[in-house]
Amino acid sequence: MARGITFAPQGNRVFDDLSVMENLEIGGYQLKRKLLRERIDQVLEMFPALKKPLRRDAGKLSGGEQQQLAVARALIPEPKLLMLDEPSLGLSPNLVRAVLDKIVELNKENNVSILIVEQKVREVLNICDRVYSLKLGRIAFEGQPDELKEDRAKLKELFL
């Protein structure tokens, strides 16, 4: 976090045997106690579904709640860049939409740049400002999402 970058890995990576609150505290382990409490309060306002189960083991949360917790934990230190790996993994279509909406909100309202690695390309094209596609370690495409939305063949070539 020293450089303003945090990461939420794929697969709802939370500390299953720790409570929701303990997971959030780990996100700000380097912060002073008072600032940590303020940041936890702020992320709980962003993710109100996490308020009620604060004392519950994170492993007992639903997949969507675990995903929210992973992102909330990554936001505790107020990153400039939040990297998300497969934020929709294992979520129902309705939850995918909710997660993507939350990502847009975080970007716009909290001025957080977000880098998303995601297999649900079409959904992400609807929320992103810029697209990069990598093939064999090289940039195969760099451009605006509309360029790919309008070119189905290119989209298929790059992502399928």
C-alpha atoms as a PDB file:
ATOM      1  CA  MET A   1       0.000   0.000   0.000  1.00  0.00           C
ATOM      2  CA  ALA A   2       2.997   2.318   0.313  1.00  0.00           C
ATOM      3  CA  ARG A   3       2.558   3.193  -3.357  1.00  0.00           C
ATOM      4  CA  GLY A   4      -1.226   3.582  -3.184  1.00  0.00           C
ATOM      5  CA  ILE A   5      -2.085   0.211  -4.755  1.00  0.00           C
ATOM      6  CA  THR A   6      -4.264  -2.537  -3.294  1.00  0.00           C
ATOM      7  CA  PHE A   7      -5.457  -5.849  -4.681  1.00  0.00           C
ATOM      8  CA  ALA A   8      -8.583  -7.957  -4.276  1.00  0.00           C
ATOM      9  CA  PRO A   9      -7.773 -11.440  -5.614  1.00  0.00           C
ATOM     10  CA  GLN A  10     -10.199 -13.733  -7.388  1.00  0.00           C
ATOM     11  CA  GLY A  11     -12.356 -16.218  -5.592  1.00  0.00           C
ATOM     12  CA  ASN A  12     -13.705 -14.082  -2.754  1.00  0.00           C
ATOM     13  CA  ARG A  13     -10.452 -14.373  -0.854  1.00  0.00           C
ATOM     14  CA  VAL A  14     -11.338 -13.597   2.724  1.00  0.00           C
ATOM     15  CA  PHE A  15      -9.909 -14.988   5.931  1.00  0.00           C
ATOM     16  CA  ASP A  16     -12.653 -17.555   6.574  1.00  0.00           C
ATOM     17  CA  ASP A  17     -11.991 -18.123  10.274  1.00  0.00           C
ATOM     18  CA  LEU A  18     -11.777 -14.432  11.120  1.00  0.00           C
ATOM     19  CA  SER A  19     -14.784 -12.204  11.599  1.00  0.00           C
ATOM     20  CA  VAL A  20     -15.851  -9.614   9.063  1.00  0.00           C
ATOM     21  CA  MET A  21     -14.462  -6.917  11.372  1.00  0.00           C
ATOM     22  CA  GLU A  22     -11.125  -8.712  11.727  1.00  0.00           C
ATOM     23  CA  ASN A  23     -10.890  -9.000   7.933  1.00  0.00           C
ATOM     24  CA  LEU A  24     -11.461  -5.250   7.620  1.00  0.00           C
ATOM     25  CA  GLU A  25      -8.871  -4.537  10.309  1.00  0.00           C
ATOM     26  CA  ILE A  26      -6.299  -6.573   8.379  1.00  0.00           C
ATOM     27  CA  GLY A  27      -6.880  -4.262   5.416  1.00  0.00           C
ATOM     28  CA  GLY A  28      -5.594  -1.361   7.496  1.00  0.00           C
ATOM     29  CA  TYR A  29      -2.972  -3.095   9.594  1.00  0.00           C
ATOM     30  CA  GLN A  30      -0.495  -0.262   8.919  1.00  0.00           C
ATOM     31  CA  LEU A  31      -2.911   2.538   9.873  1.00  0.00           C
ATOM     32  CA  LYS A  32      -3.130   4.181  13.263  1.00  0.00           C
ATOM     33  CA  ARG A  33      -6.047   2.899  15.336  1.00  0.00           C
ATOM     34  CA  LYS A  34      -8.185   6.059  15.047  1.00  0.00           C
ATOM     35  CA  LEU A  35      -7.734   6.293  11.272  1.00  0.00           C
ATOM     36  CA  LEU A  36      -8.459   2.573  10.925  1.00  0.00           C
ATOM     37  CA  ARG A  37     -11.785   2.987  12.759  1.00  0.00           C
ATOM     38  CA  GLU A  38     -12.694   5.938  10.504  1.00  0.00           C
ATOM     39  CA  ARG A  39     -11.848   3.984   7.358  1.00  0.00           C
ATOM     40  CA  ILE A  40     -13.837   0.956   8.524  1.00  0.00           C
ATOM     41  CA  ASP A  41     -16.845   3.201   9.143  1.00  0.00           C
ATOM     42  CA  GLN A  42     -16.439   4.698   5.667  1.00  0.00           C
ATOM     43  CA  VAL A  43     -16.245   1.348   3.854  1.00  0.00           C
ATOM     44  CA  LEU A  44     -19.212   0.050   5.837  1.00  0.00           C
ATOM     45  CA  GLU A  45     -21.189   2.998   4.462  1.00  0.00           C
ATOM     46  CA  MET A  46     -20.116   1.905   0.964  1.00  0.00           C
ATOM     47  CA  PHE A  47     -21.017  -1.740   1.689  1.00  0.00           C
ATOM     48  CA  PRO A  48     -23.965  -1.645   4.131  1.00  0.00           C
ATOM     49  CA  ALA A  49     -24.598  -5.394   3.762  1.00  0.00           C
ATOM     50  CA  LEU A  50     -21.450  -5.937   5.858  1.00  0.00           C
ATOM     51  CA  LYS A  51     -22.715  -3.972   8.874  1.00  0.00           C
ATOM     52  CA  LYS A  52     -24.957  -6.664  10.316  1.00  0.00           C
ATOM     53  CA  PRO A  53     -22.550  -9.645  10.156  1.00  0.00           C
ATOM     54  CA  LEU A  54     -19.504  -7.808  11.595  1.00  0.00           C
ATOM     55  CA  ARG A  55     -18.939 -10.496  14.263  1.00  0.00           C
ATOM     56  CA  ARG A  56     -19.707 -13.465  11.985  1.00  0.00           C
ATOM     57  CA  ASP A  57     -16.893 -15.554  10.525  1.00  0.00           C
ATOM     58  CA  ALA A  58     -16.239 -14.343   6.998  1.00  0.00           C
ATOM     59  CA  GLY A  59     -16.323 -17.919   5.708  1.00  0.00           C
ATOM     60  CA  LYS A  60     -20.035 -18.077   6.585  1.00  0.00           C
ATOM     61  CA  LEU A  61     -20.964 -15.146   4.354  1.00  0.00           C
ATOM     62  CA  SER A  62     -22.601 -15.624   0.963  1.00  0.00           C
ATOM     63  CA  GLY A  63     -20.411 -15.387  -2.135  1.00  0.00           C
ATOM     64  CA  GLY A  64     -21.638 -11.865  -2.839  1.00  0.00           C
ATOM     65  CA  GLU A  65     -20.982 -10.752   0.725  1.00  0.00           C
ATOM     66  CA  GLN A  66     -17.493 -12.271   0.612  1.00  0.00           C
ATOM     67  CA  GLN A  67     -16.791 -10.384  -2.610  1.00  0.00           C
ATOM     68  CA  GLN A  68     -17.956  -7.156  -0.999  1.00  0.00           C
ATOM     69  CA  LEU A  69     -15.740  -7.868   2.007  1.00  0.00           C
ATOM     70  CA  ALA A  70     -12.687  -8.510  -0.180  1.00  0.00           C
ATOM     71  CA  VAL A  71     -13.198  -5.203  -1.998  1.00  0.00           C
ATOM     72  CA  ALA A  72     -14.003  -3.331   1.231  1.00  0.00           C
ATOM     73  CA  ARG A  73     -10.833  -4.678   2.848  1.00  0.00           C
ATOM     74  CA  ALA A  74      -8.783  -3.513  -0.151  1.00  0.00           C
ATOM     75  CA  LEU A  75     -10.321  -0.022   0.169  1.00  0.00           C
ATOM     76  CA  ILE A  76      -9.425   0.473   3.833  1.00  0.00           C
ATOM     77  CA  PRO A  77      -6.043   2.140   3.122  1.00  0.00           C
ATOM     78  CA  GLU A  78      -7.623   4.518   0.533  1.00  0.00           C
ATOM     79  CA  PRO A  79      -5.745   3.305  -2.528  1.00  0.00           C
ATOM     80  CA  LYS A  80      -5.201   5.372  -5.625  1.00  0.00           C
ATOM     81  CA  LEU A  81      -5.364   2.171  -7.682  1.00  0.00           C
ATOM     82  CA  LEU A  82      -7.531  -0.828  -6.841  1.00  0.00           C
ATOM     83  CA  MET A  83      -6.771  -3.996  -8.783  1.00  0.00           C
ATOM     84  CA  LEU A  84      -9.590  -6.530  -9.025  1.00  0.00           C
ATOM     85  CA  ASP A  85      -9.061 -10.059 -10.301  1.00  0.00           C
ATOM     86  CA  GLU A  86     -12.295 -11.662 -11.516  1.00  0.00           C
ATOM     87  CA  PRO A  87     -14.656  -9.711  -9.237  1.00  0.00           C
ATOM     88  CA  SER A  88     -17.657 -11.558 -10.735  1.00  0.00           C
ATOM     89  CA  LEU A  89     -16.295 -15.063 -10.145  1.00  0.00           C
ATOM     90  CA  GLY A  90     -19.000 -17.370  -8.787  1.00  0.00           C
ATOM     91  CA  LEU A  91     -21.673 -14.702  -8.568  1.00  0.00           C
ATOM     92  CA  SER A  92     -25.201 -14.863  -9.941  1.00  0.00           C
ATOM     93  CA  PRO A  93     -26.019 -12.521 -12.860  1.00  0.00           C
ATOM     94  CA  ASN A  94     -27.856 -10.133 -10.511  1.00  0.00           C
ATOM     95  CA  LEU A  95     -24.894  -9.973  -8.156  1.00  0.00           C
ATOM     96  CA  VAL A  96     -22.498  -9.441 -11.077  1.00  0.00           C
ATOM     97  CA  ARG A  97     -24.489  -6.359 -12.061  1.00  0.00           C
ATOM     98  CA  ALA A  98     -24.477  -5.103  -8.460  1.00  0.00           C
ATOM     99  CA  VAL A  99     -20.704  -5.605  -8.147  1.00  0.00           C
ATOM    100  CA  LEU A 100     -20.047  -3.799 -11.431  1.00  0.00           C
ATOM    101  CA  ASP A 101     -22.336  -0.948 -10.379  1.00  0.00           C
ATOM    102  CA  LYS A 102     -20.389  -0.677  -7.110  1.00  0.00           C
ATOM    103  CA  ILE A 103     -17.113  -0.578  -9.052  1.00  0.00           C
ATOM    104  CA  VAL A 104     -18.403   2.337 -11.134  1.00  0.00           C
ATOM    105  CA  GLU A 105     -19.530   4.103  -7.970  1.00  0.00           C
ATOM    106  CA  LEU A 106     -16.125   3.614  -6.317  1.00  0.00           C
ATOM    107  CA  ASN A 107     -14.385   4.978  -9.370  1.00  0.00           C
ATOM    108  CA  LYS A 108     -16.584   8.046  -9.715  1.00  0.00           C
ATOM    109  CA  GLU A 109     -17.366   8.965  -6.114  1.00  0.00           C
ATOM    110  CA  ASN A 110     -14.112   7.962  -4.429  1.00  0.00           C
ATOM    111  CA  ASN A 111     -11.747   8.876  -7.240  1.00  0.00           C
ATOM    112  CA  VAL A 112     -10.186   5.402  -7.226  1.00  0.00           C
ATOM    113  CA  SER A 113      -8.637   4.135 -10.452  1.00  0.00           C
ATOM    114  CA  ILE A 114      -9.616   0.517 -10.985  1.00  0.00           C
ATOM    115  CA  LEU A 115      -7.885  -2.155 -13.006  1.00  0.00           C
ATOM    116  CA  ILE A 116     -10.102  -5.172 -13.652  1.00  0.00           C
ATOM    117  CA  VAL A 117      -9.086  -8.569 -14.946  1.00  0.00           C
ATOM    118  CA  GLU A 118     -12.344 -10.258 -15.896  1.00  0.00           C
ATOM    119  CA  GLN A 119     -13.660 -13.026 -18.125  1.00  0.00           C
ATOM    120  CA  LYS A 120     -17.109 -11.454 -18.421  1.00  0.00           C
ATOM    121  CA  VAL A 121     -15.761  -9.076 -21.048  1.00  0.00           C
ATOM    122  CA  ARG A 122     -19.068  -7.787 -22.416  1.00  0.00           C
ATOM    123  CA  GLU A 123     -20.241  -6.679 -18.978  1.00  0.00           C
ATOM    124  CA  VAL A 124     -16.968  -4.903 -18.217  1.00  0.00           C
ATOM    125  CA  LEU A 125     -16.959  -3.149 -21.604  1.00  0.00           C
ATOM    126  CA  ASN A 126     -20.113  -1.380 -20.430  1.00  0.00           C
ATOM    127  CA  ILE A 127     -18.385   0.213 -17.433  1.00  0.00           C
ATOM    128  CA  CYS A 128     -14.764   0.760 -18.412  1.00  0.00           C
ATOM    129  CA  ASP A 129     -13.016   3.791 -19.862  1.00  0.00           C
ATOM    130  CA  ARG A 130     -10.135   1.931 -21.494  1.00  0.00           C
ATOM    131  CA  VAL A 131      -9.468  -1.666 -22.601  1.00  0.00           C
ATOM    132  CA  TYR A 132      -6.252  -3.613 -22.850  1.00  0.00           C
ATOM    133  CA  SER A 133      -6.084  -7.176 -24.103  1.00  0.00           C
ATOM    134  CA  LEU A 134      -2.978  -9.253 -23.540  1.00  0.00           C
ATOM    135  CA  LYS A 135      -2.012 -12.262 -25.642  1.00  0.00           C
ATOM    136  CA  LEU A 136       1.094 -14.237 -24.830  1.00  0.00           C
ATOM    137  CA  GLY A 137       2.407 -11.435 -22.636  1.00  0.00           C
ATOM    138  CA  ARG A 138       2.018  -8.681 -25.220  1.00  0.00           C
ATOM    139  CA  ILE A 139      -0.622  -6.012 -25.678  1.00  0.00           C
ATOM    140  CA  ALA A 140      -2.890  -7.259 -28.467  1.00  0.00           C
ATOM    141  CA  PHE A 141      -5.364  -4.379 -28.197  1.00  0.00           C
ATOM    142  CA  GLU A 142      -5.452  -0.994 -26.548  1.00  0.00           C
ATOM    143  CA  GLY A 143      -8.377   1.335 -27.026  1.00  0.00           C
ATOM    144  CA  GLN A 144     -11.869   2.472 -26.163  1.00  0.00           C
ATOM    145  CA  PRO A 145     -14.565  -0.041 -25.185  1.00  0.00           C
ATOM    146  CA  ASP A 146     -16.838   1.137 -28.018  1.00  0.00           C
ATOM    147  CA  GLU A 147     -14.236   0.005 -30.553  1.00  0.00           C
ATOM    148  CA  LEU A 148     -14.729  -3.572 -29.368  1.00  0.00           C
ATOM    149  CA  LYS A 149     -18.461  -3.401 -28.781  1.00  0.00           C
ATOM    150  CA  GLU A 150     -18.941  -2.512 -32.438  1.00  0.00           C
ATOM    151  CA  ASP A 151     -16.453  -5.073 -33.807  1.00  0.00           C
ATOM    152  CA  ARG A 152     -17.691  -8.536 -32.822  1.00  0.00           C
ATOM    153  CA  ALA A 153     -14.978 -10.285 -34.842  1.00  0.00           C
ATOM    154  CA  LYS A 154     -12.224  -8.368 -33.035  1.00  0.00           C
ATOM    155  CA  LEU A 155     -13.873  -9.030 -29.697  1.00  0.00           C
ATOM    156  CA  LYS A 156     -14.031 -12.738 -30.441  1.00  0.00           C
ATOM    157  CA  GLU A 157     -10.434 -12.811 -31.680  1.00  0.00           C
ATOM    158  CA  LEU A 158      -9.120 -11.081 -28.568  1.00  0.00           C
ATOM    159  CA  PHE A 159     -11.139 -12.725 -25.831  1.00  0.00           C
ATOM    160  CA  LEU A 160     -12.308 -16.149 -26.993  1.00  0.00           C
END
